[in-house]
Amino acid sequence: MKRKGVQILEEALLILVAFIAIGLSIAALGQIQDRINEFIDKIWEGLNWLYKTMFYFLPD
């Protein structure tokens, strides 16, 4: 009987650790997505600057 209670506690802790790991993974993915968006924005700004520099005579 005592072993069954310990097993239930171990499984509950394992589930809790799994949820914590899932939460950390989601947070990390959010930060990675933010960094990728910043990178894409910088590339877009660079291309926009290049376009305006090379074709300054064209209207916006």
PDB file of N, CA and C in Angstrom:
ATOM      1  N   MET A   1       0.831  -1.193   0.000  1.00  0.00           N
ATOM      2  CA  MET A   1       0.000   0.000   0.000  1.00  0.00           C
ATOM      3  C   MET A   1       0.874   1.255   0.000  1.00  0.00           C
ATOM      4  N   LYS A   2       1.939   1.211   0.798  1.00  0.00           N
ATOM      5  CA  LYS A   2       2.811   2.381   0.879  1.00  0.00           C
ATOM      6  C   LYS A   2       3.513   2.622  -0.453  1.00  0.00           C
ATOM      7  N   ARG A   3       3.894   1.560  -1.141  1.00  0.00           N
ATOM      8  CA  ARG A   3       4.574   1.690  -2.424  1.00  0.00           C
ATOM      9  C   ARG A   3       3.661   2.324  -3.467  1.00  0.00           C
ATOM     10  N   LYS A   4       2.405   2.005  -3.409  1.00  0.00           N
ATOM     11  CA  LYS A   4       1.443   2.558  -4.369  1.00  0.00           C
ATOM     12  C   LYS A   4       1.351   4.081  -4.212  1.00  0.00           C
ATOM     13  N   GLY A   5       1.347   4.562  -2.975  1.00  0.00           N
ATOM     14  CA  GLY A   5       1.299   5.995  -2.718  1.00  0.00           C
ATOM     15  C   GLY A   5       2.547   6.697  -3.226  1.00  0.00           C
ATOM     16  N   VAL A   6       3.705   6.057  -3.026  1.00  0.00           N
ATOM     17  CA  VAL A   6       4.957   6.632  -3.510  1.00  0.00           C
ATOM     18  C   VAL A   6       4.955   6.677  -5.032  1.00  0.00           C
ATOM     19  N   GLN A   7       4.451   5.643  -5.645  1.00  0.00           N
ATOM     20  CA  GLN A   7       4.383   5.596  -7.101  1.00  0.00           C
ATOM     21  C   GLN A   7       3.474   6.704  -7.641  1.00  0.00           C
ATOM     22  N   ILE A   8       2.351   6.934  -6.973  1.00  0.00           N
ATOM     23  CA  ILE A   8       1.440   7.999  -7.394  1.00  0.00           C
ATOM     24  C   ILE A   8       2.123   9.351  -7.263  1.00  0.00           C
ATOM     25  N   LEU A   9       2.856   9.578  -6.183  1.00  0.00           N
ATOM     26  CA  LEU A   9       3.592  10.831  -5.997  1.00  0.00           C
ATOM     27  C   LEU A   9       4.653  11.012  -7.070  1.00  0.00           C
ATOM     28  N   GLU A  10       5.371   9.947  -7.387  1.00  0.00           N
ATOM     29  CA  GLU A  10       6.399  10.024  -8.419  1.00  0.00           C
ATOM     30  C   GLU A  10       5.784  10.380  -9.771  1.00  0.00           C
ATOM     31  N   GLU A  11       4.676   9.756 -10.097  1.00  0.00           N
ATOM     32  CA  GLU A  11       4.019  10.039 -11.371  1.00  0.00           C
ATOM     33  C   GLU A  11       3.470  11.462 -11.410  1.00  0.00           C
ATOM     34  N   ALA A  12       2.941  11.936 -10.288  1.00  0.00           N
ATOM     35  CA  ALA A  12       2.440  13.312 -10.232  1.00  0.00           C
ATOM     36  C   ALA A  12       3.588  14.304 -10.418  1.00  0.00           C
ATOM     37  N   LEU A  13       4.717  14.047  -9.786  1.00  0.00           N
ATOM     38  CA  LEU A  13       5.881  14.919  -9.947  1.00  0.00           C
ATOM     39  C   LEU A  13       6.399  14.875 -11.379  1.00  0.00           C
ATOM     40  N   LEU A  14       6.372  13.701 -11.985  1.00  0.00           N
ATOM     41  CA  LEU A  14       6.819  13.573 -13.372  1.00  0.00           C
ATOM     42  C   LEU A  14       5.919  14.381 -14.304  1.00  0.00           C
ATOM     43  N   ILE A  15       4.616  14.328 -14.079  1.00  0.00           N
ATOM     44  CA  ILE A  15       3.679  15.110 -14.884  1.00  0.00           C
ATOM     45  C   ILE A  15       3.921  16.602 -14.668  1.00  0.00           C
ATOM     46  N   LEU A  16       4.168  17.012 -13.428  1.00  0.00           N
ATOM     47  CA  LEU A  16       4.443  18.416 -13.131  1.00  0.00           C
ATOM     48  C   LEU A  16       5.712  18.892 -13.837  1.00  0.00           C
ATOM     49  N   VAL A  17       6.747  18.080 -13.812  1.00  0.00           N
ATOM     50  CA  VAL A  17       8.000  18.425 -14.491  1.00  0.00           C
ATOM     51  C   VAL A  17       7.778  18.504 -16.004  1.00  0.00           C
ATOM     52  N   ALA A  18       6.966  17.621 -16.535  1.00  0.00           N
ATOM     53  CA  ALA A  18       6.671  17.653 -17.969  1.00  0.00           C
ATOM     54  C   ALA A  18       5.945  18.942 -18.343  1.00  0.00           C
ATOM     55  N   PHE A  19       4.991  19.381 -17.534  1.00  0.00           N
ATOM     56  CA  PHE A  19       4.294  20.641 -17.816  1.00  0.00           C
ATOM     57  C   PHE A  19       5.239  21.832 -17.722  1.00  0.00           C
ATOM     58  N   ILE A  20       6.142  21.811 -16.760  1.00  0.00           N
ATOM     59  CA  ILE A  20       7.132  22.886 -16.644  1.00  0.00           C
ATOM     60  C   ILE A  20       8.023  22.908 -17.882  1.00  0.00           C
ATOM     61  N   ALA A  21       8.446  21.741 -18.346  1.00  0.00           N
ATOM     62  CA  ALA A  21       9.287  21.668 -19.538  1.00  0.00           C
ATOM     63  C   ALA A  21       8.536  22.182 -20.772  1.00  0.00           C
ATOM     64  N   ILE A  22       7.268  21.850 -20.887  1.00  0.00           N
ATOM     65  CA  ILE A  22       6.464  22.338 -22.012  1.00  0.00           C
ATOM     66  C   ILE A  22       6.354  23.857 -21.958  1.00  0.00           C
ATOM     67  N   GLY A  23       6.125  24.405 -20.767  1.00  0.00           N
ATOM     68  CA  GLY A  23       6.035  25.856 -20.614  1.00  0.00           C
ATOM     69  C   GLY A  23       7.333  26.550 -20.986  1.00  0.00           C
ATOM     70  N   LEU A  24       8.453  25.993 -20.553  1.00  0.00           N
ATOM     71  CA  LEU A  24       9.749  26.578 -20.903  1.00  0.00           C
ATOM     72  C   LEU A  24      10.007  26.494 -22.402  1.00  0.00           C
ATOM     73  N   SER A  25       9.609  25.405 -23.013  1.00  0.00           N
ATOM     74  CA  SER A  25       9.780  25.261 -24.463  1.00  0.00           C
ATOM     75  C   SER A  25       8.961  26.291 -25.219  1.00  0.00           C
ATOM     76  N   ILE A  26       7.748  26.516 -24.793  1.00  0.00           N
ATOM     77  CA  ILE A  26       6.894  27.510 -25.450  1.00  0.00           C
ATOM     78  C   ILE A  26       7.490  28.906 -25.289  1.00  0.00           C
ATOM     79  N   ALA A  27       8.002  29.210 -24.101  1.00  0.00           N
ATOM     80  CA  ALA A  27       8.630  30.517 -23.875  1.00  0.00           C
ATOM     81  C   ALA A  27       9.864  30.686 -24.759  1.00  0.00           C
ATOM     82  N   ALA A  28      10.659  29.629 -24.870  1.00  0.00           N
ATOM     83  CA  ALA A  28      11.861  29.698 -25.711  1.00  0.00           C
ATOM     84  C   ALA A  28      11.477  29.884 -27.179  1.00  0.00           C
ATOM     85  N   LEU A  29      10.441  29.208 -27.617  1.00  0.00           N
ATOM     86  CA  LEU A  29       9.995  29.364 -29.006  1.00  0.00           C
ATOM     87  C   LEU A  29       9.512  30.785 -29.278  1.00  0.00           C
ATOM     88  N   GLY A  30       8.861  31.392 -28.300  1.00  0.00           N
ATOM     89  CA  GLY A  30       8.423  32.775 -28.454  1.00  0.00           C
ATOM     90  C   GLY A  30       9.597  33.720 -28.615  1.00  0.00           C
ATOM     91  N   GLN A  31      10.658  33.496 -27.820  1.00  0.00           N
ATOM     92  CA  GLN A  31      11.843  34.347 -27.938  1.00  0.00           C
ATOM     93  C   GLN A  31      12.542  34.126 -29.270  1.00  0.00           C
ATOM     94  N   ILE A  32      12.610  32.890 -29.713  1.00  0.00           N
ATOM     95  CA  ILE A  32      13.241  32.597 -31.006  1.00  0.00           C
ATOM     96  C   ILE A  32      12.458  33.259 -32.132  1.00  0.00           C
ATOM     97  N   GLN A  33      11.149  33.198 -32.055  1.00  0.00           N
ATOM     98  CA  GLN A  33      10.316  33.826 -33.077  1.00  0.00           C
ATOM     99  C   GLN A  33      10.523  35.336 -33.086  1.00  0.00           C
ATOM    100  N   ASP A  34      10.656  35.947 -31.910  1.00  0.00           N
ATOM    101  CA  ASP A  34      10.919  37.386 -31.851  1.00  0.00           C
ATOM    102  C   ASP A  34      12.249  37.728 -32.506  1.00  0.00           C
ATOM    103  N   ARG A  35      13.274  36.923 -32.245  1.00  0.00           N
ATOM    104  CA  ARG A  35      14.587  37.173 -32.850  1.00  0.00           C
ATOM    105  C   ARG A  35      14.519  37.019 -34.371  1.00  0.00           C
ATOM    106  N   ILE A  36      13.805  36.024 -34.849  1.00  0.00           N
ATOM    107  CA  ILE A  36      13.679  35.822 -36.294  1.00  0.00           C
ATOM    108  C   ILE A  36      12.942  36.998 -36.925  1.00  0.00           C
ATOM    109  N   ASN A  37      11.894  37.477 -36.260  1.00  0.00           N
ATOM    110  CA  ASN A  37      11.158  38.634 -36.786  1.00  0.00           C
ATOM    111  C   ASN A  37      12.043  39.874 -36.838  1.00  0.00           C
ATOM    112  N   GLU A  38      12.880  40.083 -35.804  1.00  0.00           N
ATOM    113  CA  GLU A  38      13.808  41.217 -35.814  1.00  0.00           C
ATOM    114  C   GLU A  38      14.780  41.084 -36.983  1.00  0.00           C
ATOM    115  N   PHE A  39      15.285  39.891 -37.198  1.00  0.00           N
ATOM    116  CA  PHE A  39      16.237  39.646 -38.280  1.00  0.00           C
ATOM    117  C   PHE A  39      15.599  39.931 -39.637  1.00  0.00           C
ATOM    118  N   ILE A  40      14.381  39.453 -39.836  1.00  0.00           N
ATOM    119  CA  ILE A  40      13.674  39.684 -41.099  1.00  0.00           C
ATOM    120  C   ILE A  40      13.393  41.172 -41.282  1.00  0.00           C
ATOM    121  N   ASP A  41      13.020  41.863 -40.202  1.00  0.00           N
ATOM    122  CA  ASP A  41      12.771  43.306 -40.299  1.00  0.00           C
ATOM    123  C   ASP A  41      14.033  44.058 -40.696  1.00  0.00           C
ATOM    124  N   LYS A  42      15.181  43.669 -40.146  1.00  0.00           N
ATOM    125  CA  LYS A  42      16.439  44.334 -40.499  1.00  0.00           C
ATOM    126  C   LYS A  42      16.799  44.085 -41.967  1.00  0.00           C
ATOM    127  N   ILE A  43      16.580  42.877 -42.432  1.00  0.00           N
ATOM    128  CA  ILE A  43      16.834  42.583 -43.847  1.00  0.00           C
ATOM    129  C   ILE A  43      15.902  43.421 -44.722  1.00  0.00           C
ATOM    130  N   TRP A  44      14.633  43.504 -44.344  1.00  0.00           N
ATOM    131  CA  TRP A  44      13.660  44.271 -45.115  1.00  0.00           C
ATOM    132  C   TRP A  44      14.035  45.751 -45.145  1.00  0.00           C
ATOM    133  N   GLU A  45      14.479  46.287 -43.991  1.00  0.00           N
ATOM    134  CA  GLU A  45      14.910  47.685 -43.942  1.00  0.00           C
ATOM    135  C   GLU A  45      16.119  47.905 -44.850  1.00  0.00           C
ATOM    136  N   GLY A  46      17.045  46.970 -44.854  1.00  0.00           N
ATOM    137  CA  GLY A  46      18.216  47.077 -45.716  1.00  0.00           C
ATOM    138  C   GLY A  46      17.844  47.049 -47.184  1.00  0.00           C
ATOM    139  N   LEU A  47      16.940  46.173 -47.552  1.00  0.00           N
ATOM    140  CA  LEU A  47      16.494  46.107 -48.945  1.00  0.00           C
ATOM    141  C   LEU A  47      15.735  47.378 -49.337  1.00  0.00           C
ATOM    142  N   ASN A  48      14.945  47.889 -48.414  1.00  0.00           N
ATOM    143  CA  ASN A  48      14.213  49.119 -48.676  1.00  0.00           C
ATOM    144  C   ASN A  48      15.186  50.288 -48.870  1.00  0.00           C
ATOM    145  N   TRP A  49      16.206  50.377 -48.026  1.00  0.00           N
ATOM    146  CA  TRP A  49      17.221  51.418 -48.168  1.00  0.00           C
ATOM    147  C   TRP A  49      17.948  51.282 -49.511  1.00  0.00           C
ATOM    148  N   LEU A  50      18.301  50.048 -49.870  1.00  0.00           N
ATOM    149  CA  LEU A  50      18.997  49.812 -51.133  1.00  0.00           C
ATOM    150  C   LEU A  50      18.123  50.231 -52.316  1.00  0.00           C
ATOM    151  N   TYR A  51      16.867  49.890 -52.263  1.00  0.00           N
ATOM    152  CA  TYR A  51      15.927  50.268 -53.328  1.00  0.00           C
ATOM    153  C   TYR A  51      15.835  51.793 -53.445  1.00  0.00           C
ATOM    154  N   LYS A  52      15.668  52.470 -52.298  1.00  0.00           N
ATOM    155  CA  LYS A  52      15.537  53.924 -52.327  1.00  0.00           C
ATOM    156  C   LYS A  52      16.833  54.594 -52.764  1.00  0.00           C
ATOM    157  N   THR A  53      17.970  53.986 -52.473  1.00  0.00           N
ATOM    158  CA  THR A  53      19.257  54.557 -52.867  1.00  0.00           C
ATOM    159  C   THR A  53      19.493  54.378 -54.356  1.00  0.00           C
ATOM    160  N   MET A  54      19.186  53.204 -54.862  1.00  0.00           N
ATOM    161  CA  MET A  54      19.469  52.934 -56.267  1.00  0.00           C
ATOM    162  C   MET A  54      18.429  53.561 -57.194  1.00  0.00           C
ATOM    163  N   PHE A  55      17.193  53.597 -56.758  1.00  0.00           N
ATOM    164  CA  PHE A  55      16.115  54.088 -57.613  1.00  0.00           C
ATOM    165  C   PHE A  55      15.460  55.312 -56.986  1.00  0.00           C
ATOM    166  N   TYR A  56      16.301  56.264 -56.584  1.00  0.00           N
ATOM    167  CA  TYR A  56      15.802  57.473 -55.917  1.00  0.00           C
ATOM    168  C   TYR A  56      14.903  58.307 -56.832  1.00  0.00           C
ATOM    169  N   PHE A  57      15.022  58.133 -58.117  1.00  0.00           N
ATOM    170  CA  PHE A  57      14.250  58.938 -59.052  1.00  0.00           C
ATOM    171  C   PHE A  57      12.828  58.418 -59.243  1.00  0.00           C
ATOM    172  N   LEU A  58      12.549  57.198 -58.726  1.00  0.00           N
ATOM    173  CA  LEU A  58      11.188  56.649 -58.842  1.00  0.00           C
ATOM    174  C   LEU A  58      10.331  57.177 -57.705  1.00  0.00           C
ATOM    175  N   PRO A  59       9.032  57.364 -57.959  1.00  0.00           N
ATOM    176  CA  PRO A  59       8.159  57.812 -56.845  1.00  0.00           C
ATOM    177  C   PRO A  59       7.920  56.656 -55.876  1.00  0.00           C
ATOM    178  N   ASP A  60       7.585  57.010 -54.643  1.00  0.00           N
ATOM    179  CA  ASP A  60       7.320  55.982 -53.616  1.00  0.00           C
ATOM    180  C   ASP A  60       6.086  55.283 -53.941  1.00  0.00           C
TER     181      ASP A  60
END
